[in-house]
C-alpha atoms as a PDB file:
ATOM      1  CA  MET A   1      -0.329  -0.107   0.167  1.00  0.00           C
ATOM      2  CA  ARG A   2       1.286   3.797  -1.045  1.00  0.00           C
ATOM      3  CA  ILE A   3       0.346   6.403   1.175  1.00  0.00           C
ATOM      4  CA  LEU A   4       0.675   9.451  -0.582  1.00  0.00           C
ATOM      5  CA  ASP A   5       0.869  12.840   1.227  1.00  0.00           C
ATOM      6  CA  LYS A   6      -0.624  15.633  -0.637  1.00  0.00           C
ATOM      7  CA  GLU A   7       1.943  18.063   1.234  1.00  0.00           C
ATOM      8  CA  GLY A   8       4.379  16.935  -1.347  1.00  0.00           C
ATOM      9  CA  LEU A   9       2.581  18.899  -4.236  1.00  0.00           C
ATOM     10  CA  LYS A  10       3.585  22.230  -2.282  1.00  0.00           C
ATOM     11  CA  LEU A  11       7.356  21.134  -2.343  1.00  0.00           C
ATOM     12  CA  GLY A  12       9.721  23.589  -3.975  1.00  0.00           C
ATOM     13  CA  LEU A  13      13.115  22.634  -5.403  1.00  0.00           C
ATOM     14  CA  PRO A  14      15.140  23.192  -1.899  1.00  0.00           C
ATOM     15  CA  GLU A  15      12.490  21.086  -0.047  1.00  0.00           C
ATOM     16  CA  LEU A  16      13.207  18.256  -2.409  1.00  0.00           C
ATOM     17  CA  GLY A  17      16.676  18.405  -1.073  1.00  0.00           C
ATOM     18  CA  PHE A  18      18.701  20.223  -3.646  1.00  0.00           C
ATOM     19  CA  LEU A  19      21.697  22.216  -2.654  1.00  0.00           C
ATOM     20  CA  THR A  20      22.107  25.607  -4.377  1.00  0.00           C
ATOM     21  CA  ASP A  21      24.478  24.715  -7.347  1.00  0.00           C
ATOM     22  CA  ASP A  22      22.595  21.664  -8.351  1.00  0.00           C
ATOM     23  CA  GLN A  23      19.248  23.626  -8.080  1.00  0.00           C
ATOM     24  CA  GLN A  24      20.576  26.322 -10.142  1.00  0.00           C
ATOM     25  CA  THR A  25      21.489  23.534 -12.493  1.00  0.00           C
ATOM     26  CA  PHE A  26      17.993  22.022 -12.610  1.00  0.00           C
ATOM     27  CA  GLU A  27      16.532  25.019 -12.683  1.00  0.00           C
ATOM     28  CA  ARG A  28      18.058  25.786 -15.815  1.00  0.00           C
ATOM     29  CA  LEU A  29      17.121  22.416 -17.396  1.00  0.00           C
ATOM     30  CA  ILE A  30      13.623  22.400 -16.614  1.00  0.00           C
ATOM     31  CA  GLY A  31      13.298  26.038 -18.528  1.00  0.00           C
ATOM     32  CA  LEU A  32      14.505  24.447 -21.695  1.00  0.00           C
ATOM     33  CA  PRO A  33      12.140  24.843 -24.430  1.00  0.00           C
ATOM     34  CA  ASP A  34      12.294  21.367 -25.462  1.00  0.00           C
ATOM     35  CA  GLY A  35      14.117  18.009 -25.370  1.00  0.00           C
ATOM     36  CA  ILE A  36      13.647  15.177 -22.803  1.00  0.00           C
ATOM     37  CA  LEU A  37      14.618  14.860 -19.412  1.00  0.00           C
ATOM     38  CA  LEU A  38      14.425  11.466 -17.329  1.00  0.00           C
ATOM     39  CA  VAL A  39      14.375  10.854 -13.660  1.00  0.00           C
ATOM     40  CA  THR A  40      15.675   7.343 -12.940  1.00  0.00           C
ATOM     41  CA  GLY A  41      15.807   5.118  -9.653  1.00  0.00           C
ATOM     42  CA  PRO A  42      13.747   2.347  -7.982  1.00  0.00           C
ATOM     43  CA  THR A  43      10.521   2.164  -7.277  1.00  0.00           C
ATOM     44  CA  GLY A  44       9.887   4.214  -4.064  1.00  0.00           C
ATOM     45  CA  SER A  45      12.795   6.724  -4.555  1.00  0.00           C
ATOM     46  CA  GLY A  46      10.424   9.928  -4.844  1.00  0.00           C
ATOM     47  CA  LYS A  47      10.600  10.152  -8.919  1.00  0.00           C
ATOM     48  CA  THR A  48       7.042  11.254  -9.042  1.00  0.00           C
ATOM     49  CA  THR A  49       7.343  13.386  -6.349  1.00  0.00           C
ATOM     50  CA  THR A  50      10.048  15.369  -8.204  1.00  0.00           C
ATOM     51  CA  LEU A  51       8.428  15.638 -11.314  1.00  0.00           C
ATOM     52  CA  TYR A  52       5.156  17.068  -9.701  1.00  0.00           C
ATOM     53  CA  ALA A  53       7.529  19.489  -7.836  1.00  0.00           C
ATOM     54  CA  VAL A  54       8.595  20.594 -11.445  1.00  0.00           C
ATOM     55  CA  LEU A  55       5.397  20.843 -13.295  1.00  0.00           C
ATOM     56  CA  ASN A  56       4.392  23.224  -9.873  1.00  0.00           C
ATOM     57  CA  TYR A  57       7.393  25.196 -10.731  1.00  0.00           C
ATOM     58  CA  ILE A  58       7.114  25.815 -14.195  1.00  0.00           C
ATOM     59  CA  ASN A  59       3.252  25.766 -14.391  1.00  0.00           C
ATOM     60  CA  ARG A  60       2.301  28.787 -15.973  1.00  0.00           C
ATOM     61  CA  PRO A  61      -1.088  30.087 -17.780  1.00  0.00           C
ATOM     62  CA  ASP A  62       1.152  30.749 -20.717  1.00  0.00           C
ATOM     63  CA  ARG A  63       2.248  27.047 -20.911  1.00  0.00           C
ATOM     64  CA  LYS A  64      -0.144  24.077 -22.290  1.00  0.00           C
ATOM     65  CA  ILE A  65       1.204  21.186 -19.872  1.00  0.00           C
ATOM     66  CA  ILE A  66      -0.473  17.348 -20.319  1.00  0.00           C
ATOM     67  CA  THR A  67       0.369  14.365 -18.354  1.00  0.00           C
ATOM     68  CA  VAL A  68      -0.023  10.726 -18.838  1.00  0.00           C
ATOM     69  CA  GLU A  69      -0.177   8.745 -16.003  1.00  0.00           C
ATOM     70  CA  ASP A  70      -0.727   4.961 -14.291  1.00  0.00           C
ATOM     71  CA  PRO A  71      -2.366   5.976 -12.156  1.00  0.00           C
ATOM     72  CA  VAL A  72      -3.019   9.723 -11.920  1.00  0.00           C
ATOM     73  CA  GLU A  73      -1.424  10.177  -8.004  1.00  0.00           C
ATOM     74  CA  TYR A  74      -2.364  14.038  -7.360  1.00  0.00           C
ATOM     75  CA  VAL A  75      -5.081  16.337  -9.086  1.00  0.00           C
ATOM     76  CA  LEU A  76      -2.734  19.419 -10.220  1.00  0.00           C
ATOM     77  CA  ALA A  77      -4.684  22.773 -11.127  1.00  0.00           C
ATOM     78  CA  GLY A  78      -4.515  24.069 -14.510  1.00  0.00           C
ATOM     79  CA  ILE A  79      -2.886  20.933 -15.905  1.00  0.00           C
ATOM     80  CA  ASN A  80      -4.504  18.256 -18.239  1.00  0.00           C
ATOM     81  CA  GLN A  81      -3.945  14.807 -16.756  1.00  0.00           C
ATOM     82  CA  VAL A  82      -4.765  11.486 -18.535  1.00  0.00           C
ATOM     83  CA  HIS A  83      -5.275   8.467 -16.644  1.00  0.00           C
ATOM     84  CA  VAL A  84      -4.211   4.945 -18.553  1.00  0.00           C
ATOM     85  CA  ASN A  85      -6.627   2.278 -19.075  1.00  0.00           C
ATOM     86  CA  GLU A  86      -5.140  -0.677 -20.798  1.00  0.00           C
ATOM     87  CA  SER A  87      -8.256  -2.582 -20.662  1.00  0.00           C
ATOM     88  CA  VAL A  88     -10.001  -0.172 -23.088  1.00  0.00           C
ATOM     89  CA  GLY A  89      -6.990   0.450 -25.329  1.00  0.00           C
ATOM     90  CA  LEU A  90      -5.894   3.726 -23.540  1.00  0.00           C
ATOM     91  CA  THR A  91      -2.070   2.887 -23.435  1.00  0.00           C
ATOM     92  CA  PHE A  92       0.673   5.099 -22.799  1.00  0.00           C
ATOM     93  CA  ALA A  93       1.442   5.513 -26.551  1.00  0.00           C
ATOM     94  CA  MET A  94      -2.074   5.787 -27.228  1.00  0.00           C
ATOM     95  CA  ALA A  95      -3.013   8.683 -25.134  1.00  0.00           C
ATOM     96  CA  LEU A  96       0.941  10.322 -25.909  1.00  0.00           C
ATOM     97  CA  ARG A  97      -0.280  10.202 -29.669  1.00  0.00           C
ATOM     98  CA  SER A  98      -3.587  11.690 -29.084  1.00  0.00           C
ATOM     99  CA  MET A  99      -2.040  14.476 -26.613  1.00  0.00           C
ATOM    100  CA  LEU A 100       0.305  15.591 -29.269  1.00  0.00           C
ATOM    101  CA  ARG A 101      -2.604  16.880 -31.477  1.00  0.00           C
ATOM    102  CA  GLN A 102      -3.519  18.952 -28.412  1.00  0.00           C
ATOM    103  CA  ALA A 103       0.039  21.545 -29.157  1.00  0.00           C
ATOM    104  CA  PRO A 104       1.010  20.951 -25.719  1.00  0.00           C
ATOM    105  CA  ASN A 105       4.321  23.060 -24.559  1.00  0.00           C
ATOM    106  CA  VAL A 106       5.137  20.131 -21.778  1.00  0.00           C
ATOM    107  CA  ILE A 107       4.358  16.430 -21.564  1.00  0.00           C
ATOM    108  CA  MET A 108       4.919  14.314 -18.332  1.00  0.00           C
ATOM    109  CA  LEU A 109       4.927  10.641 -19.078  1.00  0.00           C
ATOM    110  CA  GLY A 110       4.602   8.447 -15.872  1.00  0.00           C
ATOM    111  CA  GLU A 111       7.223   5.967 -17.173  1.00  0.00           C
ATOM    112  CA  ILE A 112       8.771   4.948 -20.321  1.00  0.00           C
ATOM    113  CA  ARG A 113       8.094   1.090 -20.637  1.00  0.00           C
ATOM    114  CA  ASP A 114       8.468   0.038 -23.970  1.00  0.00           C
ATOM    115  CA  LEU A 115       9.747   1.155 -27.391  1.00  0.00           C
ATOM    116  CA  GLU A 116       6.714   2.435 -28.864  1.00  0.00           C
ATOM    117  CA  THR A 117       6.123   4.839 -25.903  1.00  0.00           C
ATOM    118  CA  ALA A 118       9.841   5.740 -25.693  1.00  0.00           C
ATOM    119  CA  THR A 119       9.763   6.574 -29.925  1.00  0.00           C
ATOM    120  CA  ILE A 120       6.872   8.972 -29.381  1.00  0.00           C
ATOM    121  CA  ALA A 121       8.073  10.685 -26.442  1.00  0.00           C
ATOM    122  CA  ILE A 122      11.337  11.125 -28.298  1.00  0.00           C
ATOM    123  CA  ASN A 123      10.249  12.238 -31.446  1.00  0.00           C
ATOM    124  CA  ALA A 124       7.789  14.990 -29.331  1.00  0.00           C
ATOM    125  CA  SER A 125      10.844  16.319 -27.966  1.00  0.00           C
ATOM    126  CA  LEU A 126      12.833  16.844 -31.301  1.00  0.00           C
ATOM    127  CA  THR A 127       9.637  18.902 -32.699  1.00  0.00           C
ATOM    128  CA  GLY A 128       9.460  21.226 -29.881  1.00  0.00           C
ATOM    129  CA  HIS A 129       8.181  19.771 -26.730  1.00  0.00           C
ATOM    130  CA  LEU A 130       9.669  19.421 -23.431  1.00  0.00           C
ATOM    131  CA  VAL A 131       9.308  15.814 -21.811  1.00  0.00           C
ATOM    132  CA  PHE A 132       9.585  14.732 -18.607  1.00  0.00           C
ATOM    133  CA  SER A 133       9.376  10.904 -17.573  1.00  0.00           C
ATOM    134  CA  THR A 134      11.127   8.279 -15.469  1.00  0.00           C
ATOM    135  CA  LEU A 135      12.924   5.194 -16.048  1.00  0.00           C
ATOM    136  CA  HIS A 136      14.071   2.282 -13.719  1.00  0.00           C
ATOM    137  CA  THR A 137      17.606   1.980 -13.866  1.00  0.00           C
ATOM    138  CA  ASN A 138      20.124   2.378 -10.891  1.00  0.00           C
ATOM    139  CA  ASP A 139      22.358   5.487 -12.079  1.00  0.00           C
ATOM    140  CA  ALA A 140      21.724   8.174 -14.485  1.00  0.00           C
ATOM    141  CA  PRO A 141      24.205   6.858 -17.187  1.00  0.00           C
ATOM    142  CA  SER A 142      22.549   3.616 -17.097  1.00  0.00           C
ATOM    143  CA  ALA A 143      19.562   5.466 -18.783  1.00  0.00           C
ATOM    144  CA  VAL A 144      21.225   5.910 -22.035  1.00  0.00           C
ATOM    145  CA  THR A 145      21.955   1.942 -22.264  1.00  0.00           C
ATOM    146  CA  ARG A 146      18.378   1.281 -21.430  1.00  0.00           C
ATOM    147  CA  LEU A 147      16.668   3.365 -23.797  1.00  0.00           C
ATOM    148  CA  ILE A 148      18.754   1.784 -26.433  1.00  0.00           C
ATOM    149  CA  ASP A 149      17.909  -1.844 -25.313  1.00  0.00           C
ATOM    150  CA  ILE A 150      14.481  -0.918 -25.690  1.00  0.00           C
ATOM    151  CA  GLY A 151      14.916  -0.253 -29.421  1.00  0.00           C
ATOM    152  CA  VAL A 152      15.405   3.496 -29.883  1.00  0.00           C
ATOM    153  CA  LYS A 153      18.161   4.510 -32.149  1.00  0.00           C
ATOM    154  CA  PRO A 154      21.549   5.963 -30.304  1.00  0.00           C
ATOM    155  CA  PHE A 155      21.551   9.023 -32.517  1.00  0.00           C
ATOM    156  CA  LEU A 156      17.787   9.591 -31.462  1.00  0.00           C
ATOM    157  CA  VAL A 157      18.816   9.301 -27.690  1.00  0.00           C
ATOM    158  CA  ALA A 158      21.821  11.662 -28.264  1.00  0.00           C
ATOM    159  CA  SER A 159      19.533  14.442 -30.006  1.00  0.00           C
ATOM    160  CA  SER A 160      16.606  14.505 -27.755  1.00  0.00           C
ATOM    161  CA  SER A 161      18.320  14.011 -24.107  1.00  0.00           C
ATOM    162  CA  ARG A 162      18.942  17.043 -22.192  1.00  0.00           C
ATOM    163  CA  ALA A 163      19.798  15.351 -18.687  1.00  0.00           C
ATOM    164  CA  LEU A 164      19.119  12.307 -16.992  1.00  0.00           C
ATOM    165  CA  MET A 165      19.012  12.043 -13.226  1.00  0.00           C
ATOM    166  CA  ALA A 166      19.194   9.568 -10.832  1.00  0.00           C
ATOM    167  CA  GLN A 167      17.492   9.815  -7.376  1.00  0.00           C
ATOM    168  CA  ARG A 168      17.201   8.238  -3.823  1.00  0.00           C
ATOM    169  CA  LEU A 169      15.271   9.396  -0.531  1.00  0.00           C
ATOM    170  CA  VAL A 170      17.289   9.499   2.837  1.00  0.00           C
ATOM    171  CA  ARG A 171      15.931  10.717   6.014  1.00  0.00           C
ATOM    172  CA  LYS A 172      16.526  13.828   7.333  1.00  0.00           C
ATOM    173  CA  ILE A 173      17.805  14.529  11.024  1.00  0.00           C
ATOM    174  CA  CYS A 174      14.953  15.471  13.248  1.00  0.00           C
ATOM    175  CA  LYS A 175      15.572  19.311  14.099  1.00  0.00           C
ATOM    176  CA  LYS A 176      14.128  18.915  17.718  1.00  0.00           C
ATOM    177  CA  CYS A 177      16.503  16.352  18.850  1.00  0.00           C
ATOM    178  CA  LEU A 178      19.705  16.765  16.738  1.00  0.00           C
ATOM    179  CA  GLN A 179      22.994  16.719  18.329  1.00  0.00           C
ATOM    180  CA  PRO A 180      26.979  16.582  17.623  1.00  0.00           C
ATOM    181  CA  TYR A 181      27.997  12.943  16.316  1.00  0.00           C
ATOM    182  CA  GLN A 182      31.381  11.839  15.647  1.00  0.00           C
ATOM    183  CA  PRO A 183      31.024   9.142  12.503  1.00  0.00           C
ATOM    184  CA  THR A 184      33.172   5.841  13.112  1.00  0.00           C
ATOM    185  CA  GLU A 185      36.626   5.219  10.891  1.00  0.00           C
ATOM    186  CA  HIS A 186      34.305   2.983   8.201  1.00  0.00           C
ATOM    187  CA  GLU A 187      31.660   5.467   7.878  1.00  0.00           C
ATOM    188  CA  LEU A 188      34.217   7.998   6.958  1.00  0.00           C
ATOM    189  CA  ARG A 189      36.255   5.477   4.831  1.00  0.00           C
ATOM    190  CA  ALA A 190      32.663   4.438   2.836  1.00  0.00           C
ATOM    191  CA  LEU A 191      32.011   7.915   1.905  1.00  0.00           C
ATOM    192  CA  SER A 192      35.691   8.737   1.106  1.00  0.00           C
ATOM    193  CA  ILE A 193      35.697  11.534   3.602  1.00  0.00           C
ATOM    194  CA  ASP A 194      39.581  12.667   4.399  1.00  0.00           C
ATOM    195  CA  PRO A 195      40.264  13.363   8.083  1.00  0.00           C
ATOM    196  CA  ALA A 196      41.192  17.069   7.612  1.00  0.00           C
ATOM    197  CA  LYS A 197      37.395  17.715   5.947  1.00  0.00           C
ATOM    198  CA  ALA A 198      35.924  15.495   8.823  1.00  0.00           C
ATOM    199  CA  ALA A 199      37.731  17.713  11.065  1.00  0.00           C
ATOM    200  CA  SER A 200      35.777  20.975   9.775  1.00  0.00           C
ATOM    201  CA  ALA A 201      32.250  19.100   9.130  1.00  0.00           C
ATOM    202  CA  THR A 202      28.983  19.634  10.821  1.00  0.00           C
ATOM    203  CA  PHE A 203      28.258  15.773  11.849  1.00  0.00           C
ATOM    204  CA  ARG A 204      24.879  15.485  13.560  1.00  0.00           C
ATOM    205  CA  LYS A 205      22.411  12.476  14.961  1.00  0.00           C
ATOM    206  CA  GLY A 206      19.214  12.737  16.279  1.00  0.00           C
ATOM    207  CA  LYS A 207      19.034  11.643  19.608  1.00  0.00           C
ATOM    208  CA  GLY A 208      15.424  10.268  19.498  1.00  0.00           C
ATOM    209  CA  CYS A 209      12.252  12.236  20.940  1.00  0.00           C
ATOM    210  CA  GLY A 210       8.454  12.402  20.908  1.00  0.00           C
ATOM    211  CA  ASP A 211       8.362  14.437  17.797  1.00  0.00           C
ATOM    212  CA  CYS A 212      10.414  11.807  15.854  1.00  0.00           C
ATOM    213  CA  ASN A 213       9.077   8.804  17.533  1.00  0.00           C
ATOM    214  CA  LYS A 214      12.469   8.149  18.941  1.00  0.00           C
ATOM    215  CA  THR A 215      13.949   7.303  15.608  1.00  0.00           C
ATOM    216  CA  GLY A 216      15.933  10.291  15.312  1.00  0.00           C
ATOM    217  CA  TYR A 217      14.711  10.931  12.031  1.00  0.00           C
ATOM    218  CA  ARG A 218      11.824  13.291  10.672  1.00  0.00           C
ATOM    219  CA  GLY A 219      10.916  13.715   7.130  1.00  0.00           C
ATOM    220  CA  ARG A 220      12.804  12.611   3.772  1.00  0.00           C
ATOM    221  CA  MET A 221      14.686  14.433   1.166  1.00  0.00           C
ATOM    222  CA  GLY A 222      16.387  13.287  -1.966  1.00  0.00           C
ATOM    223  CA  ILE A 223      20.124  12.736  -3.094  1.00  0.00           C
ATOM    224  CA  PHE A 224      20.855  13.269  -6.877  1.00  0.00           C
ATOM    225  CA  GLU A 225      23.007  12.424  -9.711  1.00  0.00           C
ATOM    226  CA  ILE A 226      22.422  14.768 -12.562  1.00  0.00           C
ATOM    227  CA  PHE A 227      24.223  13.996 -15.970  1.00  0.00           C
ATOM    228  CA  VAL A 228      23.834  17.021 -18.279  1.00  0.00           C
ATOM    229  CA  ILE A 229      24.113  15.829 -21.897  1.00  0.00           C
ATOM    230  CA  GLU A 230      26.289  18.117 -23.865  1.00  0.00           C
ATOM    231  CA  ASP A 231      28.090  17.362 -27.285  1.00  0.00           C
ATOM    232  CA  GLU A 232      31.130  15.422 -25.981  1.00  0.00           C
ATOM    233  CA  VAL A 233      28.656  12.834 -24.474  1.00  0.00           C
ATOM    234  CA  ARG A 234      26.299  12.666 -27.599  1.00  0.00           C
ATOM    235  CA  LYS A 235      29.182  11.821 -29.412  1.00  0.00           C
ATOM    236  CA  LEU A 236      29.715   8.932 -26.917  1.00  0.00           C
ATOM    237  CA  ILE A 237      26.220   7.945 -27.302  1.00  0.00           C
ATOM    238  CA  TYR A 238      26.243   7.901 -30.923  1.00  0.00           C
ATOM    239  CA  GLU A 239      29.264   5.490 -30.747  1.00  0.00           C
ATOM    240  CA  LYS A 240      27.290   3.310 -28.548  1.00  0.00           C
ATOM    241  CA  VAL A 241      29.729   2.820 -25.744  1.00  0.00           C
ATOM    242  CA  ALA A 242      29.124   0.853 -22.515  1.00  0.00           C
ATOM    243  CA  ALA A 243      27.215   2.222 -19.581  1.00  0.00           C
ATOM    244  CA  THR A 244      30.654   2.257 -17.666  1.00  0.00           C
ATOM    245  CA  VAL A 245      32.497   4.344 -20.061  1.00  0.00           C
ATOM    246  CA  LEU A 246      29.548   7.031 -20.150  1.00  0.00           C
ATOM    247  CA  ARG A 247      29.765   6.952 -16.428  1.00  0.00           C
ATOM    248  CA  SER A 248      33.434   7.453 -16.366  1.00  0.00           C
ATOM    249  CA  ARG A 249      33.492  10.238 -18.637  1.00  0.00           C
ATOM    250  CA  ALA A 250      30.584  11.833 -16.744  1.00  0.00           C
ATOM    251  CA  ARG A 251      32.472  11.801 -13.928  1.00  0.00           C
ATOM    252  CA  GLU A 252      35.492  13.537 -15.611  1.00  0.00           C
ATOM    253  CA  LEU A 253      33.094  15.923 -17.114  1.00  0.00           C
ATOM    254  CA  GLY A 254      31.476  16.907 -13.203  1.00  0.00           C
ATOM    255  CA  MET A 255      28.676  14.723 -12.602  1.00  0.00           C
ATOM    256  CA  ARG A 256      28.635  13.965  -8.792  1.00  0.00           C
ATOM    257  CA  THR A 257      27.346  10.338  -7.872  1.00  0.00           C
ATOM    258  CA  LEU A 258      24.738   9.625  -5.474  1.00  0.00           C
ATOM    259  CA  ARG A 259      26.938   8.958  -2.600  1.00  0.00           C
ATOM    260  CA  GLU A 260      28.987  11.827  -3.282  1.00  0.00           C
ATOM    261  CA  ASP A 261      25.743  14.126  -3.195  1.00  0.00           C
ATOM    262  CA  GLY A 262      24.664  12.334  -0.041  1.00  0.00           C
ATOM    263  CA  THR A 263      28.270  12.605   1.534  1.00  0.00           C
ATOM    264  CA  ARG A 264      27.665  16.714   1.024  1.00  0.00           C
ATOM    265  CA  LYS A 265      24.799  16.236   2.784  1.00  0.00           C
ATOM    266  CA  VAL A 266      26.220  14.656   5.455  1.00  0.00           C
ATOM    267  CA  LEU A 267      28.934  16.977   5.723  1.00  0.00           C
ATOM    268  CA  ALA A 268      26.304  19.864   6.052  1.00  0.00           C
ATOM    269  CA  GLY A 269      24.550  17.913   8.872  1.00  0.00           C
ATOM    270  CA  MET A 270      21.406  17.320   6.859  1.00  0.00           C
ATOM    271  CA  THR A 271      21.170  13.457   7.120  1.00  0.00           C
ATOM    272  CA  THR A 272      23.525  10.744   8.695  1.00  0.00           C
ATOM    273  CA  PRO A 273      26.476   8.230   7.070  1.00  0.00           C
ATOM    274  CA  ASP A 274      24.848   5.253   7.577  1.00  0.00           C
ATOM    275  CA  GLU A 275      21.562   6.857   5.995  1.00  0.00           C
ATOM    276  CA  VAL A 276      23.646   7.444   2.698  1.00  0.00           C
ATOM    277  CA  ILE A 277      25.502   4.142   2.589  1.00  0.00           C
ATOM    278  CA  ARG A 278      22.084   2.633   2.955  1.00  0.00           C
ATOM    279  CA  ALA A 279      20.415   4.433   0.110  1.00  0.00           C
ATOM    280  CA  THR A 280      23.875   4.038  -2.186  1.00  0.00           C
ATOM    281  CA  ALA A 281      24.982   0.578  -1.381  1.00  0.00           C
ATOM    282  CA  MET A 282      23.845  -0.514  -4.839  1.00  0.00           C
ATOM    283  CA  ASP A 283      25.361   2.014  -6.649  1.00  0.00           C
ATOM    284  CA  ILE A 284      28.342   1.964  -9.081  1.00  0.00           C
ATOM    285  CA  ASP A 285      31.349   3.565  -7.631  1.00  0.00           C
END
């Protein structure tokens, strides 16, 4: 059972967990006039909440926004939302094909699941529409491989993609009972924090109180891996390189991994080392 909190609709980008530099990058990306932006991660990693926050951020009277979802989890004012119903033939691809006749500026797809949906979404992004969607991959660069594995031509992936963002959720330290905390040597090593940086950091942990039900945590936030697709990366996608090669080059070009973004939030006293280690345990280093 999923319990949906409608307060999540009111979240701005800082409340999602973006630090200032990542927020500026993300605001620039979602302000583009066309292209496709994918949010990746496992079920329950907050992808839908992020996309709804994005739609709220860019929702203006002069912008026509349409979504195709399965199911429609939240109702948004001023946005046309379509609920997929495969039993009557209303699939993602069918709904997407129909909505393109209505000349939307922005399209949000709940998920890209097959070649037909992916092809229509990518073609839409190449013809003047801004498209948001989700994919189930462990990290951001793997989304390229996933699209190609589905059957999308590499040149279409390279031409249409503006950015790929992986995310996970970590618990935030309870503000009512937070206190200084000294991480163990294992935690510092796992997060690649050198002793000099650790000495000047603000490590905190919740003691546990009535406000957080004795857990030491209250609320959650995202940790993010933003892979901006630029010309050099497009060339690698054209060449159909392996995801590991793409990831390695993305790191060289400045992409922070999920664990590195989580580490920044640990150093800022926003969450704990064990939360970040747990959330990023399956990630590729």
